[in-house]
Amino acid sequence: MAAKKKYSGPLEKGREICCYTIEEPLGSGGMGEVWVARHRMLNRPAAVKMIRPEALGPDQSSRQRAVRRFVREARATSALRSHHTIHLYDFGVTEEGAFYYIMELLEGLSLGELVQRFGPLPAGRAVYLLRQVCHSLGEAHDAGMVHRDIKPGNIFTCHHGPEYDFVKVLDFGLVKTRDEVATGEAEFTADDIVAGTPAFMAPEIATGAPVDGRADTYALGCVAYWLLTGQPVFEEHTPLGVILHHVQTEPEPPSRRTETEVPAAVEQVILSCLAKDPDARPQSASELDALLAACPASATWDGQGAKEWWTLHMPIAASD
């Protein structure tokens, strides 16, 4: 772990965290803030995410639990080598108790932002993006890890070197490992359901049943549904209402909820991911990847099409 650094109050330009100098803000939220930073010696840009101490919990015990969760995220993410998983450079806890981690700086937008700004995606592009998520999750699952918070906001598409529509999976904050399952640390808790996202939550997570990588498959099916329709699988007035639908209600086929064409083969794969019974879903990320690759729509979007789209719609990123 990185050496502890003095931290008091919000980050600001010129402050140093670990070996990085803070440059400009990227965004902020209820738990903290994200800034662009640069390594002093390597001149490498990075993103620094700082979690404010007060956001970790109301008391010392809850804050310690939160720090353990963030440490678990950092260690789990750093152990993964897929090019489609966010690369973590460093992490640590400041003297004031703020948790930070430093990761690669991405140029692009989340899948949530993509659909909100440009509308539902053509099936071929959705398949192109989803297959890359399978690459990240496949490695994690083979290592005994379950992400448990796959959603559009945690999947980033970017201009990455010479490639466009290059996917990065973010925020392994709710990851569970094989060792935690063996020791009983993976038991479902109220904190988990609060930290998860009801619109993309597998039934077994909601009910506290045993969880494995097929929970991520369900969530990815929900993401696919969102990409093609611009709508969540289930809509309700309360988070609990949404969760109950995931447990009890069969999903309406996405083709009935959008004017965008949803090919039958793609729809069949999505609905298989959304099966209530994990045994009825694709049993691994590699199996899901193969099913998506077999869809005729997979041949309708490629790197060249992605580059043309980025040049037209995201010209600043495409020209970097």
Foldseek 3Di string as FASTA:
>chain_A
DADADADDDADDAQDDDRQWGFHAFDAADDFFGKTWIAGPPVRAIKIKTKGDQPSQDDDDVSNVVSVVLVVVQLVLQCVDDQPQAWHWDDWDAHPVGMTMTITHDFAFAFQLVVCVVPNADALQLLLVLLLLVLRRLQRQQVQAKAQQADARRQWTWGCDPPFGRRIYGHDSSLMDGPVCVVVVVNFQDPVSVVPHQLLQFALCNLVRHDDGNLRVLSSSLQRSLCNHQVDGQDDDPDSVVSSVCLQDPQGDQSCVRHPHDDDPLNSVLSSQSSDNDSVSHQVGSVSSSVSSCPDPSNVVDDRVNRLVVCCVPVVVRSVD
